[in-house]
Amino acid sequence: MQDFEKANTLVLGISYDSPELNKAFRGKFSFPYDLLSDENGEVSIAYGVSNSDSARSPRKSVLLDPNGSVAVAYDEVKPADHPDQVLSDLAKLG
């Protein structure tokens, strides 16, 4: 997480779960970032991560540029490799 902080980048997780479930999940796995609740799926749909027919939000991520637009979308997220991949793409955004 320090590398993201050095890059002046905020990392957030978003799921369809309630704030209470996200808080428990974050605590159980010691996530170093906040998990936001998107119970009605509006954020996931707006960023193209999910569609209105999905009962669950898939494990995907997006890198937003400073204007809030999607710069890179990641459909295949492997937690072990993903931070390095995002940091590399972040550096390309300059």
PDB file of N, CA and C in Angstrom:
ATOM      1  N   MET A   1       0.814  -1.195   0.000  1.00  0.00           N
ATOM      2  CA  MET A   1       0.000   0.000   0.000  1.00  0.00           C
ATOM      3  C   MET A   1       0.859   1.261   0.000  1.00  0.00           C
ATOM      4  N   GLN A   2       2.068   1.144   0.527  1.00  0.00           N
ATOM      5  CA  GLN A   2       2.938   2.318   0.559  1.00  0.00           C
ATOM      6  C   GLN A   2       3.245   2.822  -0.843  1.00  0.00           C
ATOM      7  N   ASP A   3       3.416   1.904  -1.795  1.00  0.00           N
ATOM      8  CA  ASP A   3       3.696   2.317  -3.173  1.00  0.00           C
ATOM      9  C   ASP A   3       2.531   3.114  -3.756  1.00  0.00           C
ATOM     10  N   PHE A   4       1.319   2.720  -3.426  1.00  0.00           N
ATOM     11  CA  PHE A   4       0.149   3.457  -3.907  1.00  0.00           C
ATOM     12  C   PHE A   4       0.064   4.828  -3.236  1.00  0.00           C
ATOM     13  N   GLU A   5       0.387   4.877  -1.955  1.00  0.00           N
ATOM     14  CA  GLU A   5       0.379   6.159  -1.253  1.00  0.00           C
ATOM     15  C   GLU A   5       1.428   7.100  -1.837  1.00  0.00           C
ATOM     16  N   LYS A   6       2.606   6.570  -2.154  1.00  0.00           N
ATOM     17  CA  LYS A   6       3.659   7.389  -2.765  1.00  0.00           C
ATOM     18  C   LYS A   6       3.211   7.937  -4.116  1.00  0.00           C
ATOM     19  N   ALA A   7       2.377   7.180  -4.801  1.00  0.00           N
ATOM     20  CA  ALA A   7       1.868   7.597  -6.110  1.00  0.00           C
ATOM     21  C   ALA A   7       0.613   8.467  -5.974  1.00  0.00           C
ATOM     22  N   ASN A   8       0.300   8.866  -4.739  1.00  0.00           N
ATOM     23  CA  ASN A   8      -0.867   9.702  -4.477  1.00  0.00           C
ATOM     24  C   ASN A   8      -2.145   9.057  -5.021  1.00  0.00           C
ATOM     25  N   THR A   9      -2.271   7.755  -4.747  1.00  0.00           N
ATOM     26  CA  THR A   9      -3.372   6.958  -5.278  1.00  0.00           C
ATOM     27  C   THR A   9      -4.185   6.352  -4.143  1.00  0.00           C
ATOM     28  N   LEU A  10      -5.484   6.448  -4.249  1.00  0.00           N
ATOM     29  CA  LEU A  10      -6.395   5.889  -3.264  1.00  0.00           C
ATOM     30  C   LEU A  10      -6.906   4.543  -3.766  1.00  0.00           C
ATOM     31  N   VAL A  11      -6.806   3.517  -2.933  1.00  0.00           N
ATOM     32  CA  VAL A  11      -7.306   2.187  -3.271  1.00  0.00           C
ATOM     33  C   VAL A  11      -8.584   1.952  -2.472  1.00  0.00           C
ATOM     34  N   LEU A  12      -9.632   1.548  -3.174  1.00  0.00           N
ATOM     35  CA  LEU A  12     -10.913   1.228  -2.554  1.00  0.00           C
ATOM     36  C   LEU A  12     -11.429  -0.079  -3.117  1.00  0.00           C
ATOM     37  N   GLY A  13     -12.134  -0.827  -2.296  1.00  0.00           N
ATOM     38  CA  GLY A  13     -12.850  -2.004  -2.757  1.00  0.00           C
ATOM     39  C   GLY A  13     -14.336  -1.679  -2.747  1.00  0.00           C
ATOM     40  N   ILE A  14     -15.061  -2.231  -3.683  1.00  0.00           N
ATOM     41  CA  ILE A  14     -16.506  -2.008  -3.746  1.00  0.00           C
ATOM     42  C   ILE A  14     -17.174  -3.359  -3.958  1.00  0.00           C
ATOM     43  N   SER A  15     -18.213  -3.630  -3.172  1.00  0.00           N
ATOM     44  CA  SER A  15     -18.947  -4.880  -3.352  1.00  0.00           C
ATOM     45  C   SER A  15     -20.442  -4.635  -3.184  1.00  0.00           C
ATOM     46  N   TYR A  16     -21.223  -5.634  -3.545  1.00  0.00           N
ATOM     47  CA  TYR A  16     -22.670  -5.555  -3.399  1.00  0.00           C
ATOM     48  C   TYR A  16     -23.108  -5.753  -1.944  1.00  0.00           C
ATOM     49  N   ASP A  17     -22.189  -6.126  -1.077  1.00  0.00           N
ATOM     50  CA  ASP A  17     -22.533  -6.420   0.309  1.00  0.00           C
ATOM     51  C   ASP A  17     -22.861  -5.150   1.094  1.00  0.00           C
ATOM     52  N   SER A  18     -23.546  -5.340   2.204  1.00  0.00           N
ATOM     53  CA  SER A  18     -23.914  -4.214   3.070  1.00  0.00           C
ATOM     54  C   SER A  18     -22.667  -3.645   3.750  1.00  0.00           C
ATOM     55  N   PRO A  19     -22.749  -2.416   4.239  1.00  0.00           N
ATOM     56  CA  PRO A  19     -21.611  -1.844   4.967  1.00  0.00           C
ATOM     57  C   PRO A  19     -21.168  -2.721   6.145  1.00  0.00           C
ATOM     58  N   GLU A  20     -22.124  -3.327   6.835  1.00  0.00           N
ATOM     59  CA  GLU A  20     -21.794  -4.175   7.978  1.00  0.00           C
ATOM     60  C   GLU A  20     -21.003  -5.408   7.546  1.00  0.00           C
ATOM     61  N   LEU A  21     -21.433  -6.057   6.470  1.00  0.00           N
ATOM     62  CA  LEU A  21     -20.714  -7.232   5.972  1.00  0.00           C
ATOM     63  C   LEU A  21     -19.333  -6.850   5.454  1.00  0.00           C
ATOM     64  N   ASN A  22     -19.234  -5.713   4.774  1.00  0.00           N
ATOM     65  CA  ASN A  22     -17.928  -5.257   4.286  1.00  0.00           C
ATOM     66  C   ASN A  22     -16.972  -4.981   5.439  1.00  0.00           C
ATOM     67  N   LYS A  23     -17.481  -4.382   6.497  1.00  0.00           N
ATOM     68  CA  LYS A  23     -16.641  -4.092   7.662  1.00  0.00           C
ATOM     69  C   LYS A  23     -16.110  -5.389   8.269  1.00  0.00           C
ATOM     70  N   ALA A  24     -16.975  -6.385   8.419  1.00  0.00           N
ATOM     71  CA  ALA A  24     -16.554  -7.671   8.978  1.00  0.00           C
ATOM     72  C   ALA A  24     -15.554  -8.366   8.053  1.00  0.00           C
ATOM     73  N   PHE A  25     -15.811  -8.337   6.754  1.00  0.00           N
ATOM     74  CA  PHE A  25     -14.925  -8.973   5.772  1.00  0.00           C
ATOM     75  C   PHE A  25     -13.552  -8.309   5.784  1.00  0.00           C
ATOM     76  N   ARG A  26     -13.543  -6.992   5.809  1.00  0.00           N
ATOM     77  CA  ARG A  26     -12.279  -6.246   5.846  1.00  0.00           C
ATOM     78  C   ARG A  26     -11.487  -6.598   7.101  1.00  0.00           C
ATOM     79  N   GLY A  27     -12.165  -6.662   8.232  1.00  0.00           N
ATOM     80  CA  GLY A  27     -11.495  -7.009   9.482  1.00  0.00           C
ATOM     81  C   GLY A  27     -10.963  -8.431   9.487  1.00  0.00           C
ATOM     82  N   LYS A  28     -11.749  -9.355   8.965  1.00  0.00           N
ATOM     83  CA  LYS A  28     -11.350 -10.768   8.949  1.00  0.00           C
ATOM     84  C   LYS A  28     -10.078 -10.978   8.136  1.00  0.00           C
ATOM     85  N   PHE A  29      -9.958 -10.273   7.012  1.00  0.00           N
ATOM     86  CA  PHE A  29      -8.815 -10.476   6.122  1.00  0.00           C
ATOM     87  C   PHE A  29      -7.776  -9.355   6.209  1.00  0.00           C
ATOM     88  N   SER A  30      -7.959  -8.449   7.152  1.00  0.00           N
ATOM     89  CA  SER A  30      -7.005  -7.353   7.403  1.00  0.00           C
ATOM     90  C   SER A  30      -6.691  -6.549   6.147  1.00  0.00           C
ATOM     91  N   PHE A  31      -7.724  -6.224   5.387  1.00  0.00           N
ATOM     92  CA  PHE A  31      -7.508  -5.411   4.186  1.00  0.00           C
ATOM     93  C   PHE A  31      -6.974  -4.043   4.586  1.00  0.00           C
ATOM     94  N   PRO A  32      -5.968  -3.542   3.879  1.00  0.00           N
ATOM     95  CA  PRO A  32      -5.411  -2.232   4.207  1.00  0.00           C
ATOM     96  C   PRO A  32      -6.156  -1.077   3.533  1.00  0.00           C
ATOM     97  N   TYR A  33      -7.298  -1.363   2.934  1.00  0.00           N
ATOM     98  CA  TYR A  33      -8.073  -0.332   2.246  1.00  0.00           C
ATOM     99  C   TYR A  33      -9.541  -0.473   2.622  1.00  0.00           C
ATOM    100  N   ASP A  34     -10.292   0.583   2.415  1.00  0.00           N
ATOM    101  CA  ASP A  34     -11.717   0.584   2.732  1.00  0.00           C
ATOM    102  C   ASP A  34     -12.507  -0.206   1.700  1.00  0.00           C
ATOM    103  N   LEU A  35     -13.584  -0.826   2.158  1.00  0.00           N
ATOM    104  CA  LEU A  35     -14.531  -1.505   1.281  1.00  0.00           C
ATOM    105  C   LEU A  35     -15.832  -0.714   1.303  1.00  0.00           C
ATOM    106  N   LEU A  36     -16.269  -0.303   0.147  1.00  0.00           N
ATOM    107  CA  LEU A  36     -17.503   0.467   0.023  1.00  0.00           C
ATOM    108  C   LEU A  36     -18.650  -0.437  -0.394  1.00  0.00           C
ATOM    109  N   SER A  37     -19.836  -0.065  -0.002  1.00  0.00           N
ATOM    110  CA  SER A  37     -21.023  -0.846  -0.313  1.00  0.00           C
ATOM    111  C   SER A  37     -21.726  -0.289  -1.546  1.00  0.00           C
ATOM    112  N   ASP A  38     -22.042  -1.183  -2.466  1.00  0.00           N
ATOM    113  CA  ASP A  38     -22.770  -0.843  -3.692  1.00  0.00           C
ATOM    114  C   ASP A  38     -23.955  -1.800  -3.792  1.00  0.00           C
ATOM    115  N   GLU A  39     -24.799  -1.774  -2.770  1.00  0.00           N
ATOM    116  CA  GLU A  39     -25.867  -2.763  -2.645  1.00  0.00           C
ATOM    117  C   GLU A  39     -26.808  -2.820  -3.840  1.00  0.00           C
ATOM    118  N   ASN A  40     -27.040  -1.701  -4.507  1.00  0.00           N
ATOM    119  CA  ASN A  40     -27.943  -1.724  -5.663  1.00  0.00           C
ATOM    120  C   ASN A  40     -27.191  -1.866  -6.984  1.00  0.00           C
ATOM    121  N   GLY A  41     -25.853  -1.926  -6.935  1.00  0.00           N
ATOM    122  CA  GLY A  41     -25.046  -2.178  -8.125  1.00  0.00           C
ATOM    123  C   GLY A  41     -24.806  -0.986  -9.030  1.00  0.00           C
ATOM    124  N   GLU A  42     -25.258   0.191  -8.662  1.00  0.00           N
ATOM    125  CA  GLU A  42     -25.138   1.357  -9.546  1.00  0.00           C
ATOM    126  C   GLU A  42     -23.694   1.699  -9.902  1.00  0.00           C
ATOM    127  N   VAL A  43     -22.804   1.652  -8.927  1.00  0.00           N
ATOM    128  CA  VAL A  43     -21.401   1.998  -9.190  1.00  0.00           C
ATOM    129  C   VAL A  43     -20.761   0.943 -10.087  1.00  0.00           C
ATOM    130  N   SER A  44     -21.000  -0.325  -9.780  1.00  0.00           N
ATOM    131  CA  SER A  44     -20.429  -1.411 -10.580  1.00  0.00           C
ATOM    132  C   SER A  44     -20.899  -1.353 -12.025  1.00  0.00           C
ATOM    133  N   ILE A  45     -22.151  -1.042 -12.218  1.00  0.00           N
ATOM    134  CA  ILE A  45     -22.701  -0.927 -13.572  1.00  0.00           C
ATOM    135  C   ILE A  45     -22.123   0.302 -14.272  1.00  0.00           C
ATOM    136  N   ALA A  46     -22.043   1.425 -13.564  1.00  0.00           N
ATOM    137  CA  ALA A  46     -21.537   2.668 -14.165  1.00  0.00           C
ATOM    138  C   ALA A  46     -20.105   2.527 -14.667  1.00  0.00           C
ATOM    139  N   TYR A  47     -19.289   1.759 -13.961  1.00  0.00           N
ATOM    140  CA  TYR A  47     -17.896   1.581 -14.366  1.00  0.00           C
ATOM    141  C   TYR A  47     -17.681   0.335 -15.223  1.00  0.00           C
ATOM    142  N   GLY A  48     -18.761  -0.322 -15.628  1.00  0.00           N
ATOM    143  CA  GLY A  48     -18.654  -1.457 -16.534  1.00  0.00           C
ATOM    144  C   GLY A  48     -18.124  -2.728 -15.907  1.00  0.00           C
ATOM    145  N   VAL A  49     -18.165  -2.808 -14.595  1.00  0.00           N
ATOM    146  CA  VAL A  49     -17.660  -3.989 -13.901  1.00  0.00           C
ATOM    147  C   VAL A  49     -18.726  -5.072 -13.835  1.00  0.00           C
ATOM    148  N   SER A  50     -19.968  -4.681 -13.861  1.00  0.00           N
ATOM    149  CA  SER A  50     -21.070  -5.616 -13.734  1.00  0.00           C
ATOM    150  C   SER A  50     -22.202  -5.145 -14.632  1.00  0.00           C
ATOM    151  N   ASN A  51     -23.226  -5.982 -14.757  1.00  0.00           N
ATOM    152  CA  ASN A  51     -24.413  -5.562 -15.495  1.00  0.00           C
ATOM    153  C   ASN A  51     -25.632  -5.729 -14.605  1.00  0.00           C
ATOM    154  N   SER A  52     -26.742  -5.224 -15.039  1.00  0.00           N
ATOM    155  CA  SER A  52     -27.936  -5.217 -14.194  1.00  0.00           C
ATOM    156  C   SER A  52     -28.474  -6.613 -13.909  1.00  0.00           C
ATOM    157  N   ASP A  53     -28.064  -7.616 -14.668  1.00  0.00           N
ATOM    158  CA  ASP A  53     -28.533  -8.985 -14.458  1.00  0.00           C
ATOM    159  C   ASP A  53     -27.706  -9.745 -13.424  1.00  0.00           C
ATOM    160  N   SER A  54     -26.582  -9.179 -12.997  1.00  0.00           N
ATOM    161  CA  SER A  54     -25.684  -9.880 -12.083  1.00  0.00           C
ATOM    162  C   SER A  54     -26.212  -9.846 -10.657  1.00  0.00           C
ATOM    163  N   ALA A  55     -26.199 -11.003 -10.023  1.00  0.00           N
ATOM    164  CA  ALA A  55     -26.574 -11.069  -8.612  1.00  0.00           C
ATOM    165  C   ALA A  55     -25.388 -10.705  -7.727  1.00  0.00           C
ATOM    166  N   ARG A  56     -24.190 -10.861  -8.260  1.00  0.00           N
ATOM    167  CA  ARG A  56     -22.963 -10.577  -7.518  1.00  0.00           C
ATOM    168  C   ARG A  56     -22.027  -9.765  -8.396  1.00  0.00           C
ATOM    169  N   SER A  57     -21.187  -9.003  -7.759  1.00  0.00           N
ATOM    170  CA  SER A  57     -20.170  -8.252  -8.489  1.00  0.00           C
ATOM    171  C   SER A  57     -18.945  -9.141  -8.665  1.00  0.00           C
ATOM    172  N   PRO A  58     -18.495  -9.355  -9.891  1.00  0.00           N
ATOM    173  CA  PRO A  58     -17.321 -10.204 -10.109  1.00  0.00           C
ATOM    174  C   PRO A  58     -16.051  -9.514  -9.622  1.00  0.00           C
ATOM    175  N   ARG A  59     -14.988 -10.297  -9.417  1.00  0.00           N
ATOM    176  CA  ARG A  59     -13.710  -9.714  -8.996  1.00  0.00           C
ATOM    177  C   ARG A  59     -13.040  -9.085 -10.206  1.00  0.00           C
ATOM    178  N   LYS A  60     -13.228  -7.825 -10.327  1.00  0.00           N
ATOM    179  CA  LYS A  60     -12.624  -7.026 -11.385  1.00  0.00           C
ATOM    180  C   LYS A  60     -12.146  -5.738 -10.750  1.00  0.00           C
ATOM    181  N   SER A  61     -11.347  -4.993 -11.482  1.00  0.00           N
ATOM    182  CA  SER A  61     -10.963  -3.681 -10.969  1.00  0.00           C
ATOM    183  C   SER A  61     -10.772  -2.712 -12.113  1.00  0.00           C
ATOM    184  N   VAL A  62     -10.796  -1.449 -11.761  1.00  0.00           N
ATOM    185  CA  VAL A  62     -10.576  -0.385 -12.731  1.00  0.00           C
ATOM    186  C   VAL A  62      -9.588   0.614 -12.139  1.00  0.00           C
ATOM    187  N   LEU A  63      -8.796   1.185 -13.013  1.00  0.00           N
ATOM    188  CA  LEU A  63      -7.882   2.261 -12.645  1.00  0.00           C
ATOM    189  C   LEU A  63      -8.463   3.531 -13.238  1.00  0.00           C
ATOM    190  N   LEU A  64      -8.771   4.479 -12.376  1.00  0.00           N
ATOM    191  CA  LEU A  64      -9.365   5.731 -12.828  1.00  0.00           C
ATOM    192  C   LEU A  64      -8.288   6.785 -12.997  1.00  0.00           C
ATOM    193  N   ASP A  65      -8.455   7.615 -14.010  1.00  0.00           N
ATOM    194  CA  ASP A  65      -7.521   8.728 -14.196  1.00  0.00           C
ATOM    195  C   ASP A  65      -7.928   9.867 -13.256  1.00  0.00           C
ATOM    196  N   PRO A  66      -7.150  10.935 -13.197  1.00  0.00           N
ATOM    197  CA  PRO A  66      -7.471  12.034 -12.275  1.00  0.00           C
ATOM    198  C   PRO A  66      -8.846  12.666 -12.495  1.00  0.00           C
ATOM    199  N   ASN A  67      -9.433  12.479 -13.678  1.00  0.00           N
ATOM    200  CA  ASN A  67     -10.762  13.026 -13.964  1.00  0.00           C
ATOM    201  C   ASN A  67     -11.890  12.075 -13.586  1.00  0.00           C
ATOM    202  N   GLY A  68     -11.538  10.875 -13.103  1.00  0.00           N
ATOM    203  CA  GLY A  68     -12.545   9.894 -12.722  1.00  0.00           C
ATOM    204  C   GLY A  68     -12.996   8.992 -13.847  1.00  0.00           C
ATOM    205  N   SER A  69     -12.344   9.078 -14.997  1.00  0.00           N
ATOM    206  CA  SER A  69     -12.670   8.204 -16.128  1.00  0.00           C
ATOM    207  C   SER A  69     -11.851   6.920 -16.037  1.00  0.00           C
ATOM    208  N   VAL A  70     -12.404   5.843 -16.570  1.00  0.00           N
ATOM    209  CA  VAL A  70     -11.690   4.567 -16.558  1.00  0.00           C
ATOM    210  C   VAL A  70     -10.506   4.646 -17.512  1.00  0.00           C
ATOM    211  N   ALA A  71      -9.301   4.485 -16.969  1.00  0.00           N
ATOM    212  CA  ALA A  71      -8.084   4.480 -17.782  1.00  0.00           C
ATOM    213  C   ALA A  71      -7.729   3.058 -18.190  1.00  0.00           C
ATOM    214  N   VAL A  72      -7.902   2.112 -17.268  1.00  0.00           N
ATOM    215  CA  VAL A  72      -7.613   0.701 -17.533  1.00  0.00           C
ATOM    216  C   VAL A  72      -8.653  -0.132 -16.795  1.00  0.00           C
ATOM    217  N   ALA A  73      -9.193  -1.150 -17.471  1.00  0.00           N
ATOM    218  CA  ALA A  73     -10.116  -2.093 -16.845  1.00  0.00           C
ATOM    219  C   ALA A  73      -9.438  -3.453 -16.785  1.00  0.00           C
ATOM    220  N   TYR A  74      -9.546  -4.102 -15.659  1.00  0.00           N
ATOM    221  CA  TYR A  74      -8.911  -5.403 -15.452  1.00  0.00           C
ATOM    222  C   TYR A  74     -10.000  -6.447 -15.253  1.00  0.00           C
ATOM    223  N   ASP A  75     -10.143  -7.341 -16.217  1.00  0.00           N
ATOM    224  CA  ASP A  75     -11.156  -8.385 -16.118  1.00  0.00           C
ATOM    225  C   ASP A  75     -10.646  -9.622 -15.397  1.00  0.00           C
ATOM    226  N   GLU A  76      -9.362  -9.884 -15.498  1.00  0.00           N
ATOM    227  CA  GLU A  76      -8.760 -11.047 -14.847  1.00  0.00           C
ATOM    228  C   GLU A  76      -7.870 -10.547 -13.721  1.00  0.00           C
ATOM    229  N   VAL A  77      -8.353 -10.631 -12.500  1.00  0.00           N
ATOM    230  CA  VAL A  77      -7.601 -10.118 -11.357  1.00  0.00           C
ATOM    231  C   VAL A  77      -7.046 -11.277 -10.548  1.00  0.00           C
ATOM    232  N   LYS A  78      -5.723 -11.340 -10.461  1.00  0.00           N
ATOM    233  CA  LYS A  78      -5.043 -12.319  -9.616  1.00  0.00           C
ATOM    234  C   LYS A  78      -4.426 -11.533  -8.461  1.00  0.00           C
ATOM    235  N   PRO A  79      -4.964 -11.689  -7.252  1.00  0.00           N
ATOM    236  CA  PRO A  79      -4.532 -10.857  -6.134  1.00  0.00           C
ATOM    237  C   PRO A  79      -3.021 -10.790  -5.920  1.00  0.00           C
ATOM    238  N   ALA A  80      -2.300 -11.855  -6.169  1.00  0.00           N
ATOM    239  CA  ALA A  80      -0.848 -11.849  -5.926  1.00  0.00           C
ATOM    240  C   ALA A  80      -0.107 -10.925  -6.889  1.00  0.00           C
ATOM    241  N   ASP A  81      -0.558 -10.845  -8.133  1.00  0.00           N
ATOM    242  CA  ASP A  81       0.134 -10.065  -9.163  1.00  0.00           C
ATOM    243  C   ASP A  81      -0.488  -8.693  -9.421  1.00  0.00           C
ATOM    244  N   HIS A  82      -1.707  -8.527  -9.008  1.00  0.00           N
ATOM    245  CA  HIS A  82      -2.462  -7.342  -9.409  1.00  0.00           C
ATOM    246  C   HIS A  82      -1.863  -6.010  -8.946  1.00  0.00           C
ATOM    247  N   PRO A  83      -1.402  -5.887  -7.714  1.00  0.00           N
ATOM    248  CA  PRO A  83      -0.840  -4.585  -7.315  1.00  0.00           C
ATOM    249  C   PRO A  83       0.307  -4.117  -8.213  1.00  0.00           C
ATOM    250  N   ASP A  84       1.209  -5.020  -8.577  1.00  0.00           N
ATOM    251  CA  ASP A  84       2.326  -4.637  -9.448  1.00  0.00           C
ATOM    252  C   ASP A  84       1.835  -4.217 -10.828  1.00  0.00           C
ATOM    253  N   GLN A  85       0.829  -4.923 -11.325  1.00  0.00           N
ATOM    254  CA  GLN A  85       0.266  -4.586 -12.633  1.00  0.00           C
ATOM    255  C   GLN A  85      -0.357  -3.190 -12.603  1.00  0.00           C
ATOM    256  N   VAL A  86      -1.109  -2.901 -11.556  1.00  0.00           N
ATOM    257  CA  VAL A  86      -1.759  -1.594 -11.445  1.00  0.00           C
ATOM    258  C   VAL A  86      -0.719  -0.484 -11.270  1.00  0.00           C
ATOM    259  N   LEU A  87       0.307  -0.728 -10.456  1.00  0.00           N
ATOM    260  CA  LEU A  87       1.356   0.279 -10.272  1.00  0.00           C
ATOM    261  C   LEU A  87       2.069   0.578 -11.585  1.00  0.00           C
ATOM    262  N   SER A  88       2.298  -0.446 -12.390  1.00  0.00           N
ATOM    263  CA  SER A  88       2.929  -0.249 -13.693  1.00  0.00           C
ATOM    264  C   SER A  88       2.043   0.611 -14.595  1.00  0.00           C
ATOM    265  N   ASP A  89       0.759   0.298 -14.632  1.00  0.00           N
ATOM    266  CA  ASP A  89      -0.171   1.083 -15.452  1.00  0.00           C
ATOM    267  C   ASP A  89      -0.329   2.501 -14.907  1.00  0.00           C
ATOM    268  N   LEU A  90      -0.287   2.636 -13.610  1.00  0.00           N
ATOM    269  CA  LEU A  90      -0.378   3.954 -12.984  1.00  0.00           C
ATOM    270  C   LEU A  90       0.804   4.830 -13.392  1.00  0.00           C
ATOM    271  N   ALA A  91       1.981   4.239 -13.443  1.00  0.00           N
ATOM    272  CA  ALA A  91       3.179   4.985 -13.853  1.00  0.00           C
ATOM    273  C   ALA A  91       3.049   5.476 -15.294  1.00  0.00           C
ATOM    274  N   LYS A  92       2.388   4.687 -16.140  1.00  0.00           N
ATOM    275  CA  LYS A  92       2.199   5.078 -17.538  1.00  0.00           C
ATOM    276  C   LYS A  92       1.249   6.273 -17.678  1.00  0.00           C
ATOM    277  N   LEU A  93       0.348   6.422 -16.695  1.00  0.00           N
ATOM    278  CA  LEU A  93      -0.578   7.559 -16.735  1.00  0.00           C
ATOM    279  C   LEU A  93       0.146   8.867 -16.446  1.00  0.00           C
ATOM    280  N   GLY A  94       1.301   8.732 -15.761  1.00  0.00           N
ATOM    281  CA  GLY A  94       2.149   9.891 -15.476  1.00  0.00           C
ATOM    282  C   GLY A  94       1.541  10.795 -14.507  1.00  0.00           C
TER     283      GLY A  94
END
